[in-house]
Amino acid sequence: MEQDGPSGVLLIDKAPDMTSHDVVAIARRALNTKKIGHCGTLDPMATGLLMLVIGRATKIQDLLMSEDKQYQGTITLGTSTSTQDRQGDVLETKAVPDLSSEQIHAAFDTFLGPFEQIPPMVSAIKKDGVPLYKLARKGQVIERDPRPVHITSYEVTRVALPEIDFTVNCSKGFYVRTYAHDLGERLGTLGHLSALRRTRSGKFTLERAVPVADLKTTPREVLLNAMISLAEISLMRGA
């Protein structure tokens, strides 16, 4: 049954303070297989859905990464940071106006539909073969071309200024950190992303995700049974 090793997609619920590569390394040991990749990097501070492609599923990695995503996040207003999230250095602070619900929704509305987003310096986009985040670490800032993205829907779920919680459904290649930063400016102040959780990627949700802590203790057979097969993925995608 496993002539070339296991194949399929294993959904993981990533914990904070670990990289996506850390999760891959743990899964590699747990499944005793080398051929594993992940779809859509989650920053160390982020939690939630990380899709691991295993064996032959690595061939559909790009296809799976092209799907739209859903995130839950928190913007903290009044402060901008070097990474546009809470892990960066504070660059500037500014007073937070007494914003009404109407003003907040009006700002979110300006980002509905298609628009262009300038990727952050702390990103994996490459300039002359070098990831931007490596240049950023050296204090370099280079011009980045705007990229087309879109938001299909959003919901503001909590307002307790300076914090605003939201859910956003967006295209691939969308930077939620940049969204938080740009919303801060649109609201007449500054902003950065202080919490992030990915809850959906395409048709995959957290419902079938294995908590990353369980990867180390769950028997291999149980993890293999938790994998979504290539046949099921074809059905899910309507192929």
C-alpha atoms as a PDB file:
ATOM      1  CA  MET A   1       0.000   0.000   0.000  1.00  0.00           C
ATOM      2  CA  GLU A   2       2.867   2.362   0.732  1.00  0.00           C
ATOM      3  CA  GLN A   3       5.376   1.443  -1.957  1.00  0.00           C
ATOM      4  CA  ASP A   4       6.577   5.014  -2.403  1.00  0.00           C
ATOM      5  CA  GLY A   5       5.626   6.083   1.115  1.00  0.00           C
ATOM      6  CA  PRO A   6       2.459   7.888   2.185  1.00  0.00           C
ATOM      7  CA  SER A   7       0.772  10.492  -0.039  1.00  0.00           C
ATOM      8  CA  GLY A   8      -1.877  13.053   0.818  1.00  0.00           C
ATOM      9  CA  VAL A   9      -2.488  16.262   2.712  1.00  0.00           C
ATOM     10  CA  LEU A  10      -2.214  16.510   6.494  1.00  0.00           C
ATOM     11  CA  LEU A  11      -3.896  19.541   8.047  1.00  0.00           C
ATOM     12  CA  ILE A  12      -2.114  20.959  11.081  1.00  0.00           C
ATOM     13  CA  ASP A  13      -3.258  23.559  13.618  1.00  0.00           C
ATOM     14  CA  LYS A  14      -0.001  25.463  14.133  1.00  0.00           C
ATOM     15  CA  ALA A  15       0.883  26.840  17.546  1.00  0.00           C
ATOM     16  CA  PRO A  16       2.465  30.282  18.051  1.00  0.00           C
ATOM     17  CA  ASP A  17       6.225  30.892  18.329  1.00  0.00           C
ATOM     18  CA  MET A  18       7.267  28.283  15.793  1.00  0.00           C
ATOM     19  CA  THR A  19       8.023  28.492  12.082  1.00  0.00           C
ATOM     20  CA  SER A  20       6.236  26.576   9.349  1.00  0.00           C
ATOM     21  CA  HIS A  21       9.547  24.758   8.742  1.00  0.00           C
ATOM     22  CA  ASP A  22       9.537  23.625  12.389  1.00  0.00           C
ATOM     23  CA  VAL A  23       6.162  21.954  11.774  1.00  0.00           C
ATOM     24  CA  VAL A  24       7.471  20.214   8.643  1.00  0.00           C
ATOM     25  CA  ALA A  25      10.479  18.892  10.589  1.00  0.00           C
ATOM     26  CA  ILE A  26       8.242  17.472  13.358  1.00  0.00           C
ATOM     27  CA  ALA A  27       5.908  15.849  10.801  1.00  0.00           C
ATOM     28  CA  ARG A  28       8.852  14.376   8.902  1.00  0.00           C
ATOM     29  CA  ARG A  29       9.946  12.561  12.053  1.00  0.00           C
ATOM     30  CA  ALA A  30       6.409  11.593  13.097  1.00  0.00           C
ATOM     31  CA  LEU A  31       5.554  10.110   9.696  1.00  0.00           C
ATOM     32  CA  ASN A  32       9.057   8.796   9.029  1.00  0.00           C
ATOM     33  CA  THR A  33       9.029  10.209   5.504  1.00  0.00           C
ATOM     34  CA  LYS A  34      11.230  12.780   3.801  1.00  0.00           C
ATOM     35  CA  LYS A  35       8.963  14.032   1.052  1.00  0.00           C
ATOM     36  CA  ILE A  36       6.972  16.756   2.836  1.00  0.00           C
ATOM     37  CA  GLY A  37       6.299  20.382   1.991  1.00  0.00           C
ATOM     38  CA  HIS A  38       3.875  23.027   3.240  1.00  0.00           C
ATOM     39  CA  CYS A  39       1.392  25.313   1.510  1.00  0.00           C
ATOM     40  CA  GLY A  40       1.457  28.977   2.473  1.00  0.00           C
ATOM     41  CA  THR A  41       3.932  29.951   5.167  1.00  0.00           C
ATOM     42  CA  LEU A  42       2.550  31.130   8.510  1.00  0.00           C
ATOM     43  CA  ASP A  43       4.679  33.634  10.438  1.00  0.00           C
ATOM     44  CA  PRO A  44       5.937  32.429  13.847  1.00  0.00           C
ATOM     45  CA  MET A  45       3.364  34.553  15.719  1.00  0.00           C
ATOM     46  CA  ALA A  46       0.473  33.188  13.639  1.00  0.00           C
ATOM     47  CA  THR A  47      -1.568  30.114  14.506  1.00  0.00           C
ATOM     48  CA  GLY A  48      -4.016  27.955  12.620  1.00  0.00           C
ATOM     49  CA  LEU A  49      -4.262  26.021   9.406  1.00  0.00           C
ATOM     50  CA  LEU A  50      -1.036  24.799   7.856  1.00  0.00           C
ATOM     51  CA  MET A  51      -1.402  22.317   5.003  1.00  0.00           C
ATOM     52  CA  LEU A  52       1.343  19.717   4.718  1.00  0.00           C
ATOM     53  CA  VAL A  53       1.701  18.018   1.347  1.00  0.00           C
ATOM     54  CA  ILE A  54       3.184  14.544   1.608  1.00  0.00           C
ATOM     55  CA  GLY A  55       4.584  12.223  -1.067  1.00  0.00           C
ATOM     56  CA  ARG A  56       2.845  12.598  -4.432  1.00  0.00           C
ATOM     57  CA  ALA A  57       0.757  15.466  -3.026  1.00  0.00           C
ATOM     58  CA  THR A  58       3.858  17.679  -3.307  1.00  0.00           C
ATOM     59  CA  LYS A  59       3.073  17.818  -7.042  1.00  0.00           C
ATOM     60  CA  ILE A  60      -0.171  19.724  -6.391  1.00  0.00           C
ATOM     61  CA  GLN A  61       1.409  22.143  -3.894  1.00  0.00           C
ATOM     62  CA  ASP A  62       1.098  25.162  -6.243  1.00  0.00           C
ATOM     63  CA  LEU A  63      -2.497  24.263  -7.047  1.00  0.00           C
ATOM     64  CA  LEU A  64      -3.434  24.114  -3.358  1.00  0.00           C
ATOM     65  CA  MET A  65      -1.574  27.348  -2.581  1.00  0.00           C
ATOM     66  CA  SER A  66      -3.561  29.222  -5.238  1.00  0.00           C
ATOM     67  CA  GLU A  67      -6.812  28.953  -3.254  1.00  0.00           C
ATOM     68  CA  ASP A  68      -8.372  31.824  -1.325  1.00  0.00           C
ATOM     69  CA  LYS A  69      -7.903  32.010   2.457  1.00  0.00           C
ATOM     70  CA  GLN A  70      -9.729  33.081   5.604  1.00  0.00           C
ATOM     71  CA  TYR A  71      -7.991  34.709   8.546  1.00  0.00           C
ATOM     72  CA  GLN A  72      -8.994  35.995  11.956  1.00  0.00           C
ATOM     73  CA  GLY A  73      -6.819  38.797  13.236  1.00  0.00           C
ATOM     74  CA  THR A  74      -6.403  41.704  15.624  1.00  0.00           C
ATOM     75  CA  ILE A  75      -5.192  45.157  14.655  1.00  0.00           C
ATOM     76  CA  THR A  76      -3.662  47.286  17.394  1.00  0.00           C
ATOM     77  CA  LEU A  77      -3.972  50.941  16.469  1.00  0.00           C
ATOM     78  CA  GLY A  78      -1.633  53.773  17.434  1.00  0.00           C
ATOM     79  CA  THR A  79       1.672  52.019  16.714  1.00  0.00           C
ATOM     80  CA  SER A  80       3.560  51.048  13.563  1.00  0.00           C
ATOM     81  CA  THR A  81       6.326  48.440  13.603  1.00  0.00           C
ATOM     82  CA  SER A  82       9.234  47.405  11.381  1.00  0.00           C
ATOM     83  CA  THR A  83       7.506  44.145  10.429  1.00  0.00           C
ATOM     84  CA  GLN A  84       3.908  45.462  10.443  1.00  0.00           C
ATOM     85  CA  ASP A  85       3.172  42.984  13.256  1.00  0.00           C
ATOM     86  CA  ARG A  86       3.822  42.775  16.993  1.00  0.00           C
ATOM     87  CA  GLN A  87       7.145  41.004  16.536  1.00  0.00           C
ATOM     88  CA  GLY A  88       8.813  44.043  14.990  1.00  0.00           C
ATOM     89  CA  ASP A  89      10.441  47.104  16.512  1.00  0.00           C
ATOM     90  CA  VAL A  90       8.158  50.061  17.209  1.00  0.00           C
ATOM     91  CA  LEU A  91       8.779  52.731  14.572  1.00  0.00           C
ATOM     92  CA  GLU A  92       6.234  55.367  15.522  1.00  0.00           C
ATOM     93  CA  THR A  93       3.289  56.025  17.798  1.00  0.00           C
ATOM     94  CA  LYS A  94       0.284  58.237  17.187  1.00  0.00           C
ATOM     95  CA  ALA A  95      -2.906  59.046  19.067  1.00  0.00           C
ATOM     96  CA  VAL A  96      -5.928  56.875  18.286  1.00  0.00           C
ATOM     97  CA  PRO A  97      -9.027  58.933  17.481  1.00  0.00           C
ATOM     98  CA  ASP A  98     -12.344  58.117  19.142  1.00  0.00           C
ATOM     99  CA  LEU A  99     -13.559  56.115  16.167  1.00  0.00           C
ATOM    100  CA  SER A 100     -17.216  55.324  15.562  1.00  0.00           C
ATOM    101  CA  SER A 101     -18.426  51.992  14.239  1.00  0.00           C
ATOM    102  CA  GLU A 102     -19.355  53.741  10.981  1.00  0.00           C
ATOM    103  CA  GLN A 103     -15.821  55.138  10.551  1.00  0.00           C
ATOM    104  CA  ILE A 104     -14.278  51.718  11.192  1.00  0.00           C
ATOM    105  CA  HIS A 105     -16.552  49.943   8.702  1.00  0.00           C
ATOM    106  CA  ALA A 106     -16.000  52.709   6.126  1.00  0.00           C
ATOM    107  CA  ALA A 107     -12.232  52.111   6.356  1.00  0.00           C
ATOM    108  CA  PHE A 108     -12.642  48.327   5.974  1.00  0.00           C
ATOM    109  CA  ASP A 109     -15.028  48.898   3.036  1.00  0.00           C
ATOM    110  CA  THR A 110     -12.314  50.716   1.074  1.00  0.00           C
ATOM    111  CA  PHE A 111     -10.393  47.424   0.846  1.00  0.00           C
ATOM    112  CA  LEU A 112     -13.305  45.310  -0.427  1.00  0.00           C
ATOM    113  CA  GLY A 113     -12.955  43.815  -3.887  1.00  0.00           C
ATOM    114  CA  PRO A 114      -9.786  44.010  -6.013  1.00  0.00           C
ATOM    115  CA  PHE A 115      -6.970  46.420  -5.123  1.00  0.00           C
ATOM    116  CA  GLU A 116      -3.181  46.550  -5.069  1.00  0.00           C
ATOM    117  CA  GLN A 117      -1.039  45.883  -2.031  1.00  0.00           C
ATOM    118  CA  ILE A 118       2.649  46.708  -1.580  1.00  0.00           C
ATOM    119  CA  PRO A 119       4.277  43.635   0.002  1.00  0.00           C
ATOM    120  CA  PRO A 120       6.125  44.236   3.281  1.00  0.00           C
ATOM    121  CA  MET A 121       9.923  44.214   3.407  1.00  0.00           C
ATOM    122  CA  VAL A 122       9.716  41.281   5.810  1.00  0.00           C
ATOM    123  CA  SER A 123       8.445  38.810   3.221  1.00  0.00           C
ATOM    124  CA  ALA A 124       9.737  35.859   1.224  1.00  0.00           C
ATOM    125  CA  ILE A 125       9.486  37.688  -2.109  1.00  0.00           C
ATOM    126  CA  LYS A 126      12.886  37.662  -3.790  1.00  0.00           C
ATOM    127  CA  LYS A 127      14.919  40.535  -5.228  1.00  0.00           C
ATOM    128  CA  ASP A 128      17.768  39.262  -7.458  1.00  0.00           C
ATOM    129  CA  GLY A 129      17.375  35.850  -5.834  1.00  0.00           C
ATOM    130  CA  VAL A 130      17.563  37.143  -2.241  1.00  0.00           C
ATOM    131  CA  PRO A 131      14.428  37.035  -0.015  1.00  0.00           C
ATOM    132  CA  LEU A 132      13.378  40.515   1.077  1.00  0.00           C
ATOM    133  CA  TYR A 133      13.375  39.534   4.762  1.00  0.00           C
ATOM    134  CA  LYS A 134      17.130  38.888   4.541  1.00  0.00           C
ATOM    135  CA  LEU A 135      17.668  42.378   3.132  1.00  0.00           C
ATOM    136  CA  ALA A 136      15.365  43.809   5.822  1.00  0.00           C
ATOM    137  CA  ARG A 137      17.505  42.200   8.529  1.00  0.00           C
ATOM    138  CA  LYS A 138      20.459  44.183   7.166  1.00  0.00           C
ATOM    139  CA  GLY A 139      18.429  47.361   7.418  1.00  0.00           C
ATOM    140  CA  GLN A 140      17.894  47.624   3.675  1.00  0.00           C
ATOM    141  CA  VAL A 141      14.625  48.889   2.243  1.00  0.00           C
ATOM    142  CA  ILE A 142      14.002  48.500  -1.466  1.00  0.00           C
ATOM    143  CA  GLU A 143      11.109  49.520  -3.668  1.00  0.00           C
ATOM    144  CA  ARG A 144       8.475  46.811  -4.003  1.00  0.00           C
ATOM    145  CA  ASP A 145       5.996  46.584  -6.859  1.00  0.00           C
ATOM    146  CA  PRO A 146       2.312  46.610  -5.869  1.00  0.00           C
ATOM    147  CA  ARG A 147       0.584  43.247  -6.320  1.00  0.00           C
ATOM    148  CA  PRO A 148      -3.044  42.644  -7.233  1.00  0.00           C
ATOM    149  CA  VAL A 149      -5.056  41.064  -4.400  1.00  0.00           C
ATOM    150  CA  HIS A 150      -8.719  40.953  -3.491  1.00  0.00           C
ATOM    151  CA  ILE A 151     -10.982  40.666  -0.474  1.00  0.00           C
ATOM    152  CA  THR A 152     -14.321  38.944  -0.992  1.00  0.00           C
ATOM    153  CA  SER A 153     -15.716  39.694   2.481  1.00  0.00           C
ATOM    154  CA  TYR A 154     -14.796  40.824   5.970  1.00  0.00           C
ATOM    155  CA  GLU A 155     -16.400  41.076   9.388  1.00  0.00           C
ATOM    156  CA  VAL A 156     -15.448  43.320  12.293  1.00  0.00           C
ATOM    157  CA  THR A 157     -16.010  41.049  15.298  1.00  0.00           C
ATOM    158  CA  ARG A 158     -14.843  43.197  18.230  1.00  0.00           C
ATOM    159  CA  VAL A 159     -13.903  46.815  18.804  1.00  0.00           C
ATOM    160  CA  ALA A 160     -12.086  47.675  22.051  1.00  0.00           C
ATOM    161  CA  LEU A 161      -9.834  50.517  20.968  1.00  0.00           C
ATOM    162  CA  PRO A 162      -6.957  50.472  20.332  1.00  0.00           C
ATOM    163  CA  GLU A 163      -7.800  46.883  19.278  1.00  0.00           C
ATOM    164  CA  ILE A 164     -10.063  45.778  16.436  1.00  0.00           C
ATOM    165  CA  ASP A 165     -10.754  42.078  15.779  1.00  0.00           C
ATOM    166  CA  PHE A 166     -11.731  41.043  12.268  1.00  0.00           C
ATOM    167  CA  THR A 167     -12.268  38.099   9.935  1.00  0.00           C
ATOM    168  CA  VAL A 168     -11.205  38.468   6.303  1.00  0.00           C
ATOM    169  CA  ASN A 169     -11.668  36.255   3.237  1.00  0.00           C
ATOM    170  CA  CYS A 170      -8.936  37.060   0.756  1.00  0.00           C
ATOM    171  CA  SER A 171      -6.979  35.928  -2.298  1.00  0.00           C
ATOM    172  CA  LYS A 172      -3.650  34.121  -2.286  1.00  0.00           C
ATOM    173  CA  GLY A 173      -0.624  36.376  -1.873  1.00  0.00           C
ATOM    174  CA  PHE A 174      -2.515  38.644   0.527  1.00  0.00           C
ATOM    175  CA  TYR A 175      -0.507  40.093   3.426  1.00  0.00           C
ATOM    176  CA  VAL A 176      -2.693  40.488   6.506  1.00  0.00           C
ATOM    177  CA  ARG A 177       0.132  42.440   8.206  1.00  0.00           C
ATOM    178  CA  THR A 178       0.053  45.007   5.421  1.00  0.00           C
ATOM    179  CA  TYR A 179      -3.748  45.103   5.618  1.00  0.00           C
ATOM    180  CA  ALA A 180      -3.500  45.994   9.333  1.00  0.00           C
ATOM    181  CA  HIS A 181      -0.845  48.631   8.633  1.00  0.00           C
ATOM    182  CA  ASP A 182      -2.861  50.200   5.795  1.00  0.00           C
ATOM    183  CA  LEU A 183      -6.104  50.140   7.811  1.00  0.00           C
ATOM    184  CA  GLY A 184      -4.316  52.014  10.601  1.00  0.00           C
ATOM    185  CA  GLU A 185      -3.440  54.799   8.174  1.00  0.00           C
ATOM    186  CA  ARG A 186      -6.943  54.789   6.681  1.00  0.00           C
ATOM    187  CA  LEU A 187      -8.322  55.284  10.217  1.00  0.00           C
ATOM    188  CA  GLY A 188      -6.207  58.394  10.714  1.00  0.00           C
ATOM    189  CA  THR A 189      -3.591  56.796  12.946  1.00  0.00           C
ATOM    190  CA  LEU A 190      -1.111  53.906  12.719  1.00  0.00           C
ATOM    191  CA  GLY A 191      -1.634  50.166  13.087  1.00  0.00           C
ATOM    192  CA  HIS A 192       0.022  46.782  13.235  1.00  0.00           C
ATOM    193  CA  LEU A 193      -1.163  43.169  13.338  1.00  0.00           C
ATOM    194  CA  SER A 194      -1.079  41.856  16.902  1.00  0.00           C
ATOM    195  CA  ALA A 195      -2.742  38.436  16.412  1.00  0.00           C
ATOM    196  CA  LEU A 196      -3.398  36.177  13.434  1.00  0.00           C
ATOM    197  CA  ARG A 197      -5.061  32.811  12.900  1.00  0.00           C
ATOM    198  CA  ARG A 198      -5.665  31.114   9.541  1.00  0.00           C
ATOM    199  CA  THR A 199      -9.007  29.327   9.641  1.00  0.00           C
ATOM    200  CA  ARG A 200      -9.483  28.223   6.031  1.00  0.00           C
ATOM    201  CA  SER A 201      -7.555  27.600   2.815  1.00  0.00           C
ATOM    202  CA  GLY A 202      -9.721  26.782  -0.187  1.00  0.00           C
ATOM    203  CA  LYS A 203     -12.135  24.112   1.090  1.00  0.00           C
ATOM    204  CA  PHE A 204      -9.839  22.985   3.896  1.00  0.00           C
ATOM    205  CA  THR A 205     -10.699  24.129   7.431  1.00  0.00           C
ATOM    206  CA  LEU A 206      -9.440  23.547  10.945  1.00  0.00           C
ATOM    207  CA  GLU A 207     -12.155  20.937  11.492  1.00  0.00           C
ATOM    208  CA  ARG A 208      -9.865  18.084  10.456  1.00  0.00           C
ATOM    209  CA  ALA A 209      -6.597  19.646  11.615  1.00  0.00           C
ATOM    210  CA  VAL A 210      -4.249  17.894  14.024  1.00  0.00           C
ATOM    211  CA  PRO A 211      -2.910  20.204  16.793  1.00  0.00           C
ATOM    212  CA  VAL A 212       0.832  20.496  16.247  1.00  0.00           C
ATOM    213  CA  ALA A 213       1.491  19.356  19.839  1.00  0.00           C
ATOM    214  CA  ASP A 214      -0.204  16.032  19.008  1.00  0.00           C
ATOM    215  CA  LEU A 215       2.182  15.384  16.107  1.00  0.00           C
ATOM    216  CA  LYS A 216       4.907  14.296  18.514  1.00  0.00           C
ATOM    217  CA  THR A 217       2.755  11.841  20.456  1.00  0.00           C
ATOM    218  CA  THR A 218       0.200  10.463  17.982  1.00  0.00           C
ATOM    219  CA  PRO A 219       1.033   7.020  16.510  1.00  0.00           C
ATOM    220  CA  ARG A 220       2.102   7.126  12.856  1.00  0.00           C
ATOM    221  CA  GLU A 221      -0.859   4.978  11.755  1.00  0.00           C
ATOM    222  CA  VAL A 222      -3.317   7.435  13.303  1.00  0.00           C
ATOM    223  CA  LEU A 223      -1.644  10.357  11.518  1.00  0.00           C
ATOM    224  CA  LEU A 224      -1.727   8.464   8.214  1.00  0.00           C
ATOM    225  CA  ASN A 225      -5.461   7.868   8.699  1.00  0.00           C
ATOM    226  CA  ALA A 226      -5.940  11.591   9.376  1.00  0.00           C
ATOM    227  CA  MET A 227      -4.433  12.480   6.001  1.00  0.00           C
ATOM    228  CA  ILE A 228      -6.714  13.585   3.182  1.00  0.00           C
ATOM    229  CA  SER A 229      -6.109  11.353   0.161  1.00  0.00           C
ATOM    230  CA  LEU A 230      -5.391  12.615  -3.345  1.00  0.00           C
ATOM    231  CA  ALA A 231      -8.675  11.050  -4.483  1.00  0.00           C
ATOM    232  CA  GLU A 232     -10.648  12.985  -1.864  1.00  0.00           C
ATOM    233  CA  ILE A 233      -8.837  16.210  -2.770  1.00  0.00           C
ATOM    234  CA  SER A 234      -9.875  15.721  -6.415  1.00  0.00           C
ATOM    235  CA  LEU A 235     -13.502  15.319  -5.332  1.00  0.00           C
ATOM    236  CA  MET A 236     -13.308  18.366  -3.051  1.00  0.00           C
ATOM    237  CA  ARG A 237     -11.920  20.470  -5.878  1.00  0.00           C
ATOM    238  CA  GLY A 238     -14.538  19.177  -8.284  1.00  0.00           C
ATOM    239  CA  ALA A 239     -11.872  17.734 -10.554  1.00  0.00           C
END
